[in-house]
Amino acid sequence: MPYSGDIAYSDMVAAMLPLLKFQTKALTLFHVIETPISAPLDTDEMKDLVAAAEVKIKPLSDWLSKQGYRVQTKVAVARHVKDAIIEEANDPRYSLLFMLKRRKRRKPLSKSVTEEIIGHVQLPVVTILV
C-alpha cells in the first residue's frame, strides 16, 4: 500500500475501506523517494529524507495497528517511483497491490505510474481514485 504525504488523512481512511473486504491482516506501507540521476542514492541527506518519511508514515501505521493490522513500513530511494514499486510488488510475499490514483492531468499519450505498474506486476492491483 503506498503512502503519500500529499493525500489528506481522511482520503487515506476512505481509500482503506475497500481493502477490508479482503480480510487482510498484514499491510506494508511503501513510500518511494524519487531522486534525480545526478544525485547519489546513499548519502546522509538521503538518510535524513528516509527518516523524515518514516516519521510522516508513523501516524497512519499506528492507526492501522489499532484497527488490528500488522503493519510494516518501507521507504525506498530510487530513480523512478514506478521501478521501485514494481520491484517491491513482485516479491512473492505480497498477494495484493493497493494503489491510490490521483486525478491529475497528464501529457497526451502518456501513462500514469499506476497504469505502468499494472502491466509489470504478477499480483492483483486494487486502484482507488482519490
Protein backbone atom coordinates (compact mmCIF):
# COMPACT_ATOMS: atom_id res chain seq x y z
CA MET A 1 0.00 0.00 0.00
CA PRO A 2 1.55 3.33 -0.96
CA TYR A 3 1.87 6.27 1.33
CA SER A 4 1.83 9.86 0.16
CA GLY A 5 2.15 12.89 2.39
CA ASP A 6 0.12 14.85 -0.16
CA ILE A 7 -3.08 12.89 0.43
CA ALA A 8 -5.28 14.03 3.28
CA TYR A 9 -5.69 11.55 6.13
CA SER A 10 -9.47 11.35 5.54
CA ASP A 11 -8.86 10.34 1.91
CA MET A 12 -6.49 7.60 3.05
CA VAL A 13 -9.06 6.26 5.53
CA ALA A 14 -11.79 6.32 2.87
CA ALA A 15 -9.49 4.53 0.45
CA MET A 16 -8.85 1.82 3.04
CA LEU A 17 -12.50 0.74 3.19
CA PRO A 18 -12.43 -1.49 0.05
CA LEU A 19 -9.38 -3.28 1.43
CA LEU A 20 -11.38 -4.51 4.42
CA LYS A 21 -13.29 -6.86 2.11
CA PHE A 22 -10.14 -8.88 1.57
CA GLN A 23 -9.72 -9.58 5.31
CA THR A 24 -6.03 -8.81 5.06
CA LYS A 25 -4.29 -8.63 8.41
CA ALA A 26 -0.78 -7.70 7.25
CA LEU A 27 -0.02 -4.48 5.39
CA THR A 28 3.17 -2.90 4.12
CA LEU A 29 3.11 0.88 3.71
CA PHE A 30 5.56 1.67 0.93
CA HIS A 31 6.91 5.11 0.09
CA VAL A 32 9.44 5.97 -2.62
CA ILE A 33 11.70 8.99 -2.54
CA GLU A 34 12.49 9.76 -6.15
CA THR A 35 15.92 11.24 -6.81
CA PRO A 36 17.42 12.80 -9.93
CA ILE A 37 20.05 10.85 -11.81
CA SER A 38 22.69 13.37 -10.80
CA ALA A 39 22.14 12.75 -7.06
CA PRO A 40 23.84 9.83 -5.29
CA LEU A 41 21.41 7.38 -3.68
CA ASP A 42 23.35 6.63 -0.50
CA THR A 43 24.17 9.89 1.28
CA ASP A 44 23.50 11.39 4.68
CA GLU A 45 20.96 13.71 3.05
CA MET A 46 19.05 10.71 1.68
CA LYS A 47 19.18 9.05 5.10
CA ASP A 48 17.62 12.21 6.56
CA LEU A 49 14.87 12.16 3.90
CA VAL A 50 14.15 8.48 4.65
CA ALA A 51 13.97 9.21 8.38
CA ALA A 52 11.59 12.14 7.75
CA ALA A 53 9.36 9.94 5.56
CA GLU A 54 9.24 7.28 8.28
CA VAL A 55 8.10 9.91 10.78
CA LYS A 56 5.32 11.02 8.40
CA ILE A 57 4.14 7.43 7.90
CA LYS A 58 4.04 6.64 11.62
CA PRO A 59 0.56 8.11 12.39
CA LEU A 60 -1.04 6.06 9.62
CA SER A 61 0.90 2.98 10.68
CA ASP A 62 -0.23 3.47 14.29
CA TRP A 63 -3.85 3.97 13.19
CA LEU A 64 -3.79 0.78 11.10
CA SER A 65 -2.24 -1.13 14.01
CA LYS A 66 -5.09 -0.01 16.24
CA GLN A 67 -7.50 -1.36 13.60
CA GLY A 68 -5.95 -4.82 14.05
CA TYR A 69 -3.48 -4.88 11.14
CA ARG A 70 0.15 -5.97 11.37
CA VAL A 71 1.90 -3.05 9.72
CA GLN A 72 5.35 -2.83 8.22
CA THR A 73 6.69 0.38 6.73
CA LYS A 74 9.28 0.60 3.99
CA VAL A 75 10.87 3.69 2.48
CA ALA A 76 12.88 3.27 -0.71
CA VAL A 77 15.15 5.66 -2.57
CA ALA A 78 15.02 5.21 -6.34
CA ARG A 79 15.49 6.97 -9.64
CA HIS A 80 11.89 6.25 -10.69
CA VAL A 81 8.90 5.60 -8.44
CA LYS A 82 7.36 3.04 -10.80
CA ASP A 83 10.53 0.93 -10.91
CA ALA A 84 10.77 0.78 -7.12
CA ILE A 85 7.10 -0.17 -6.77
CA ILE A 86 7.37 -2.86 -9.47
CA GLU A 87 10.44 -4.38 -7.83
CA GLU A 88 8.79 -4.41 -4.39
CA ALA A 89 5.41 -5.66 -5.64
CA ASN A 90 6.96 -8.61 -7.46
CA ASP A 91 8.22 -10.00 -4.15
CA PRO A 92 6.32 -13.29 -3.65
CA ARG A 93 5.36 -12.34 -0.07
CA TYR A 94 2.73 -9.95 -1.39
CA SER A 95 -0.72 -11.08 -2.54
CA LEU A 96 -2.31 -7.73 -3.44
CA LEU A 97 -1.12 -4.29 -4.51
CA PHE A 98 -3.27 -1.43 -3.29
CA MET A 99 -2.66 1.90 -5.05
CA LEU A 100 -4.12 5.37 -4.78
CA LYS A 101 -4.57 7.24 -8.04
CA ARG A 102 -4.88 10.99 -8.00
CA ARG A 103 -6.93 12.89 -10.55
CA LYS A 104 -4.25 14.66 -12.43
CA ARG A 105 -3.85 15.89 -15.94
CA ARG A 106 -1.23 14.05 -17.87
CA LYS A 107 0.56 14.68 -21.08
CA PRO A 108 -1.26 13.21 -24.07
CA LEU A 109 -0.35 9.59 -24.83
CA SER A 110 1.49 9.13 -21.53
CA LYS A 111 0.65 6.51 -18.93
CA SER A 112 0.26 7.19 -15.23
CA VAL A 113 2.53 5.44 -12.74
CA THR A 114 -0.38 3.17 -11.80
CA GLU A 115 -1.03 2.20 -15.43
CA GLU A 116 2.63 1.38 -15.98
CA ILE A 117 2.80 -0.71 -12.82
CA ILE A 118 -0.30 -2.78 -13.65
CA GLY A 119 1.40 -4.15 -16.75
CA HIS A 120 4.54 -5.23 -14.87
CA VAL A 121 3.34 -6.97 -11.70
CA GLN A 122 2.12 -10.52 -11.22
CA LEU A 123 -0.43 -9.84 -8.46
CA PRO A 124 -3.88 -8.21 -8.48
CA VAL A 125 -3.92 -4.42 -8.25
CA VAL A 126 -6.70 -2.51 -6.49
CA THR A 127 -6.74 1.14 -7.55
CA ILE A 128 -8.71 3.81 -5.71
CA LEU A 129 -9.23 7.20 -7.34
CA VAL A 130 -8.79 9.97 -4.75
